[in-house]
Each structure stands twice: as C-alpha cells, then as structure tokens.
Protein backbone atom coordinates (compact mmCIF):
# COMPACT_ATOMS: atom_id res chain seq x y z
CA TYR A 1 -120.95 -91.81 -109.26
CA GLN A 2 -124.10 -90.27 -107.81
CA TRP A 3 -127.49 -90.61 -109.49
CA TYR A 4 -130.18 -87.96 -109.04
CA LYS A 5 -133.95 -87.92 -109.54
CA ASP A 6 -135.46 -84.50 -110.13
CA GLY A 7 -132.33 -82.91 -108.70
CA ASN A 8 -132.29 -84.99 -105.49
CA PRO A 9 -129.58 -87.59 -104.81
CA ILE A 10 -130.87 -91.18 -104.80
CA SER A 11 -129.69 -93.01 -101.69
CA GLY A 12 -127.31 -95.85 -102.49
CA ALA A 13 -127.23 -95.07 -106.24
CA THR A 14 -123.46 -94.64 -106.45
CA LYS A 15 -122.48 -97.08 -109.22
CA ASN A 16 -121.91 -96.45 -112.93
CA LYS A 17 -125.26 -98.12 -113.67
CA TYR A 18 -128.61 -97.54 -111.98
CA THR A 19 -131.83 -99.47 -112.60
CA VAL A 20 -135.00 -97.44 -112.10
CA THR A 21 -137.89 -99.18 -110.39
CA ASN A 22 -141.44 -97.80 -110.45
CA ILE A 23 -140.47 -95.23 -113.06
CA GLN A 24 -142.56 -92.06 -113.05
CA GLU A 25 -143.65 -90.06 -116.05
CA ASP A 26 -141.80 -86.76 -116.51
CA ALA A 27 -139.17 -87.62 -113.88
CA THR A 28 -135.65 -86.45 -114.72
CA TYR A 29 -132.66 -88.67 -113.94
CA LYS A 30 -129.02 -87.70 -114.19
CA CYS A 31 -125.65 -89.02 -113.01
CA VAL A 32 -122.81 -86.85 -111.70
CA THR A 33 -119.32 -88.36 -111.75
CA THR A 34 -116.40 -87.11 -109.69
CA LYS A 35 -112.81 -88.15 -110.21
CA GLN A 36 -110.33 -88.04 -107.37
CA GLY A 37 -107.59 -85.45 -107.72
CA THR A 38 -104.68 -85.88 -110.11
CA THR A 39 -101.52 -83.93 -110.87
CA ASP A 40 -103.41 -80.95 -112.31
CA ASP A 41 -105.03 -80.25 -108.94
CA THR A 42 -103.88 -81.52 -105.52
CA GLY A 43 -103.96 -85.30 -105.79
CA ASN A 44 -103.94 -87.09 -102.44
CA MET A 45 -102.60 -84.71 -99.81
CA LEU A 46 -102.28 -87.54 -97.24
CA SER A 47 -99.10 -89.39 -98.14
CA LEU A 48 -99.30 -91.66 -95.08
CA GLY A 49 -102.93 -92.58 -95.78
CA GLY A 50 -101.77 -95.88 -97.25
CA PHE A 51 -99.83 -96.84 -94.08
CA GLU A 52 -96.81 -98.08 -96.02
CA PHE A 53 -94.40 -97.76 -93.13
CA ASP A 54 -92.72 -100.03 -90.59
CA ASN A 55 -93.91 -99.84 -86.98
CA THR A 56 -90.41 -100.36 -85.60
CA ASN A 57 -88.87 -97.45 -87.51
CA GLN A 58 -91.72 -94.95 -87.78
CA ASN A 59 -91.72 -91.83 -85.65
CA LYS A 60 -95.12 -91.50 -83.97
CA ARG A 61 -95.32 -87.85 -85.04
CA PRO A 62 -93.73 -87.57 -88.49
CA SER A 63 -93.81 -84.39 -90.56
CA VAL A 64 -94.25 -84.55 -94.32
CA SER A 65 -93.69 -81.73 -96.79
CA ILE A 66 -96.22 -81.18 -99.58
CA THR A 67 -96.51 -78.70 -102.46
CA ASP A 68 -100.01 -77.40 -103.18
CA PRO A 69 -100.75 -76.25 -106.76
CA LEU A 70 -104.03 -74.64 -105.65
CA ARG A 71 -102.09 -72.27 -103.38
CA ASN A 72 -99.55 -71.11 -106.00
CA ASN A 73 -97.34 -74.19 -105.38
CA GLU A 74 -96.88 -73.24 -101.75
CA THR A 75 -94.74 -75.82 -99.91
CA TYR A 76 -95.48 -76.53 -96.27
CA SER A 77 -95.33 -79.35 -93.72
CA ILE A 78 -98.20 -81.38 -92.30
CA GLU A 79 -97.91 -83.48 -89.16
CA TYR A 80 -99.29 -86.96 -88.50
CA LEU A 81 -100.03 -88.17 -84.98
CA PHE A 82 -100.04 -91.92 -84.29
CA ASP A 83 -100.13 -91.80 -80.49
CA ASN A 84 -101.56 -95.33 -80.08
CA LEU A 85 -99.18 -96.92 -82.59
CA ASN A 86 -97.67 -100.11 -81.12
CA LEU A 87 -94.01 -99.99 -82.15
CA ASN A 88 -93.68 -103.74 -81.55
CA GLY A 89 -96.44 -104.41 -84.08
CA LYS A 90 -98.65 -106.34 -81.63
CA ALA A 91 -101.73 -104.10 -81.48
CA ASP A 92 -102.80 -104.73 -77.91
CA PRO A 93 -106.30 -103.58 -76.83
CA GLY A 94 -106.75 -99.90 -77.63
CA GLU A 95 -103.70 -99.87 -79.91
CA TYR A 96 -102.92 -100.30 -83.60
CA CYS A 97 -100.06 -101.18 -85.93
CA THR A 98 -99.36 -101.58 -89.63
CA SER A 99 -99.32 -105.02 -91.21
CA THR A 100 -99.72 -106.88 -94.49
CA ASP A 101 -102.14 -109.32 -92.80
CA PRO A 102 -104.03 -108.75 -89.51
CA SER A 103 -104.20 -112.52 -88.92
CA SER A 104 -100.43 -112.52 -88.53
CA ILE A 105 -100.78 -110.09 -85.61
CA LYS A 106 -103.38 -112.02 -83.60
CA SER A 107 -104.52 -115.10 -85.48
CA GLN A 108 -106.98 -116.08 -82.76
CA TYR A 109 -108.78 -112.72 -82.94
CA PHE A 110 -108.27 -111.21 -86.43
CA THR A 111 -109.31 -112.60 -89.80
CA SER A 112 -107.11 -112.33 -92.90
CA ILE A 113 -107.49 -109.60 -95.51
CA THR A 114 -105.17 -108.13 -98.13
CA ALA A 115 -104.47 -104.40 -98.27
CA LYS A 116 -106.81 -102.20 -100.30
CA GLN A 117 -103.86 -100.13 -101.48
CA GLY A 118 -100.20 -101.10 -101.56
CA SER A 119 -99.11 -103.90 -99.24
CA LYS A 120 -99.92 -102.63 -95.73
CA MET A 121 -102.92 -101.41 -93.77
CA LEU A 122 -103.65 -100.04 -90.29
CA VAL A 123 -104.79 -102.83 -87.96
CA VAL A 124 -106.86 -101.55 -85.01
CA ASN A 125 -107.51 -103.55 -81.86
CA GLY A 126 -110.58 -101.70 -80.68
CA ALA A 127 -111.40 -103.33 -77.34
CA VAL A 128 -111.12 -100.35 -75.00
CA SER A 129 -113.20 -98.88 -72.20
CA SER A 130 -113.35 -95.25 -73.38
CA ASN A 131 -116.08 -93.89 -75.63
CA GLN A 132 -113.72 -93.06 -78.48
CA PHE A 133 -110.05 -92.81 -79.31
CA LYS A 134 -108.03 -91.44 -82.21
CA VAL A 135 -106.76 -93.88 -84.80
CA PHE A 136 -105.51 -91.31 -87.32
CA HIS A 137 -104.75 -87.62 -87.04
CA VAL A 138 -103.19 -85.18 -89.52
CA ARG A 139 -102.57 -81.53 -88.70
CA ASN A 140 -101.90 -78.27 -90.53
CA LEU A 141 -103.25 -78.90 -94.00
CA LYS A 142 -103.84 -75.68 -95.94
CA LEU A 143 -107.02 -75.34 -97.99
CA LYS A 144 -108.18 -73.06 -100.80
CA GLY A 145 -111.50 -71.28 -100.35
CA GLY A 146 -114.29 -72.27 -102.74
CA VAL A 147 -112.62 -75.56 -103.67
CA THR A 148 -114.42 -78.85 -102.93
CA TYR A 149 -112.14 -81.37 -101.24
CA GLN A 150 -113.03 -85.04 -101.33
CA PHE A 151 -112.43 -87.42 -98.45
CA SER A 152 -112.43 -91.19 -98.81
CA CYS A 153 -111.49 -94.02 -96.47
CA TRP A 154 -111.71 -97.81 -96.77
CA GLY A 155 -112.38 -100.00 -93.75
CA ALA A 156 -113.15 -103.63 -92.98
CA ASN A 157 -114.34 -105.64 -89.98
CA ILE A 158 -111.73 -108.22 -88.89
CA ASP A 159 -113.33 -109.36 -85.60
CA LYS A 160 -112.83 -113.11 -86.02
CA GLU A 161 -114.75 -113.79 -82.81
CA TYR A 162 -117.84 -111.90 -83.93
CA PHE A 163 -119.70 -115.13 -84.71
CA THR A 164 -117.88 -117.68 -82.53
CA LYS A 165 -118.41 -115.66 -79.34
CA ASN A 166 -121.62 -113.89 -80.34
CA HIS A 167 -120.25 -110.37 -79.94
CA GLY A 168 -123.35 -108.95 -81.59
CA SER A 169 -124.06 -105.72 -83.44
CA ALA A 170 -123.01 -103.54 -80.50
CA SER A 171 -119.40 -104.54 -81.17
CA LEU A 172 -119.39 -103.55 -84.85
CA PRO A 173 -116.82 -100.81 -85.53
CA GLN A 174 -118.34 -97.34 -85.75
CA ILE A 175 -115.88 -94.79 -87.10
CA LYS A 176 -116.17 -90.99 -87.14
CA PHE A 177 -114.30 -88.71 -89.56
CA GLU A 178 -113.90 -85.07 -88.51
CA ILE A 179 -112.34 -82.01 -90.09
CA GLU A 180 -111.55 -78.82 -88.18
CA ALA A 181 -110.52 -75.82 -90.25
CA ALA A 182 -109.60 -72.22 -89.44
CA GLY A 183 -112.71 -70.06 -89.40
CA HIS A 184 -115.01 -73.01 -90.13
CA GLY A 185 -115.29 -74.89 -86.84
CA THR A 186 -115.51 -78.69 -86.77
CA LYS A 187 -117.53 -80.80 -89.20
CA VAL A 188 -118.20 -84.53 -89.45
CA LEU A 189 -117.14 -85.54 -92.96
CA GLY A 190 -119.99 -87.23 -94.79
CA GLY A 191 -122.46 -86.16 -92.11
CA GLY A 192 -122.46 -89.45 -90.20
CA TYR A 193 -120.49 -92.42 -88.97
CA MET A 194 -119.13 -95.41 -90.86
CA THR A 195 -120.56 -98.54 -89.24
CA LEU A 196 -118.87 -101.61 -90.66
CA THR A 197 -120.97 -104.68 -91.41
CA ASP A 198 -120.53 -108.11 -89.88
CA LYS A 199 -119.05 -109.43 -93.14
CA LEU A 200 -115.48 -110.24 -92.20
CA GLY A 201 -112.56 -109.23 -94.38
CA ALA A 202 -114.66 -107.19 -96.83
CA TRP A 203 -113.54 -103.67 -97.71
CA GLU A 204 -116.16 -100.91 -97.46
CA GLU A 205 -115.74 -97.27 -98.54
CA TYR A 206 -116.84 -94.10 -96.79
CA LYS A 207 -116.91 -90.72 -98.55
CA GLY A 208 -117.43 -87.09 -97.68
CA THR A 209 -116.65 -83.61 -99.00
CA PHE A 210 -115.59 -80.30 -97.50
CA THR A 211 -115.80 -76.91 -99.25
CA PRO A 212 -114.32 -74.01 -97.25
CA ASN A 213 -115.81 -70.62 -98.09
CA SER A 214 -112.43 -68.92 -97.55
CA ASP A 215 -108.76 -69.89 -97.48
CA CYS A 216 -107.75 -71.94 -94.43
CA ASN A 217 -104.17 -71.67 -93.20
CA TRP A 218 -104.69 -74.77 -91.10
CA ALA A 219 -107.03 -77.75 -91.14
CA HIS A 220 -106.92 -80.94 -89.08
CA ILE A 221 -108.48 -84.31 -89.94
CA THR A 222 -109.14 -86.86 -87.21
CA ILE A 223 -110.51 -90.40 -87.41
CA TYR A 224 -112.10 -91.72 -84.23
CA ASN A 225 -113.06 -95.22 -83.16
CA THR A 226 -116.34 -94.50 -81.35
CA THR A 227 -117.53 -98.00 -80.42
CA ASN A 228 -117.52 -98.60 -76.67
CA THR A 229 -116.73 -102.29 -76.05
CA THR A 230 -114.99 -102.96 -72.77
CA VAL A 231 -114.33 -106.69 -73.27
CA ALA A 232 -113.87 -107.71 -76.89
CA GLY A 233 -114.76 -106.99 -80.48
CA ASN A 234 -114.58 -103.75 -82.47
CA ASP A 235 -111.50 -104.86 -84.42
CA PHE A 236 -110.99 -103.38 -87.88
CA VAL A 237 -108.53 -102.25 -90.53
CA LEU A 238 -108.23 -98.95 -92.43
CA ASP A 239 -106.47 -98.24 -95.72
CA ALA A 240 -106.30 -95.96 -98.77
CA ILE A 241 -107.28 -92.72 -96.99
CA TYR A 242 -107.70 -89.92 -99.54
CA PHE A 243 -108.09 -86.17 -99.12
CA GLY A 244 -107.66 -83.83 -102.06
CA ALA A 245 -109.32 -81.48 -104.49
CA GLU A 246 -111.98 -82.88 -106.79
CA LYS A 247 -112.04 -82.90 -110.55
C-alpha cells in the first residue's frame, strides 16, 4: 500500500489504513495497492531467496532453471553466488550460514528469531574489517522492457551484545541492494540503504522497484553488508527475498 496526497507519495504511509492529520481543504488523497507476482506473471524469480537449503550439502554456486511467462515462456538458468557461506554452519566473522534459529549458531552473540518465510533464514556474522561484502548475489536474470519488477527483502538485527556491550548505532546493520542490468547500468534498489533498528529479533521489510526501458538479456542483483565494524556487532538475518513482476 502507498498513500498519496495531491499525487505525491506520503512518507511512511504504507499500510491499508491511513489517518490524516491537519487535513487541508481541497486536498486529494488516494491509495495505490500493488500485489506481488503470481502465476499469471512471473511470481518470485528468486527460488533461493527463502534460504531453505542445508549448508553442508549446498553448492556455493548453484544454478537454477526458471521459465519466464513474460518472455514467451523462455527457460533459462540463473546462478547464485554464496562465496562467504560457511559450510560447517558456524558463521564466523565475515561469514554466513542458514539456520532455523541464529541463537543455535552462537548463543552468546545472536538472539533468537523464527524465520519470516519457511523454516530457515540467512544468518550473517557481520564483524569484518572491510567496508562492505556480498551476502547474496544472483546472476543472469532476464527482464522484459517496460515491465515494473518489485524487489522485497526482510531483515532483522540479532546483535545480542548491542545493549550489554554498548555497541552503539554505528554497529547497526546497513544493507545495500543493487541491480545491474544490460544497457541500464547499476542502480540501488529503493534508492537508499536498509538500516536495521536496535530492536532485536524484529523483522523489517525493505522494498524497491526496477523498470527497464528495454529487454535485458542479463541482470544481476547483489546484496551488500556495508557496515564497517572491525571488532563486533553488525549481526543480522535475511529472509523472504522477492523479485518478480508486479500486478
């Protein structure tokens, strides 16, 4: 849901109800609703966006075949890159793994939370010295020109030490979502970064759209952890990543 006043989107007014304060005479309000894709368009093109796989068995660079109804049911393969995936499921600093509960990975550092979708989520141990590193990467999506694609990702802060060791706001996870498409350069989805709050174990959603002006025979989506904490903090989970055509 997105509410508008006189044709301009109202910041934060993204629920099915909106209460107007300081109402103005002759102002026009409207609500635009968008439903995520279903079987009559693309649905979710990211089959591994729910992280329902086992660290010990998962290839770090799996290929998945998809059939795209917007491109005359063309079937092609997309590739996922999980270069920092810890195959032992420990998620050491600068690494990640899949789990049903981050507390079971490092109970002294991570708080508990249940998956937003399915039973598993991506658990990221973000204490690294570099400015950013990839936590999710999918390559070679094919897009239809003139179609609006919706991106959505859920994240949550799990830094159990945030309060006990006074990590402070500088350690809050800040996540960047990028799309690079043939003939369109690179764009930050949603126009900004997702900075998770200090509320532990609470899912938050980030959204963005991308509308190519011509067909793209390849498009890559990358999620970066951009928080630079060299000692501790910056621990989070991701789940229910969606990318597909809007209805």
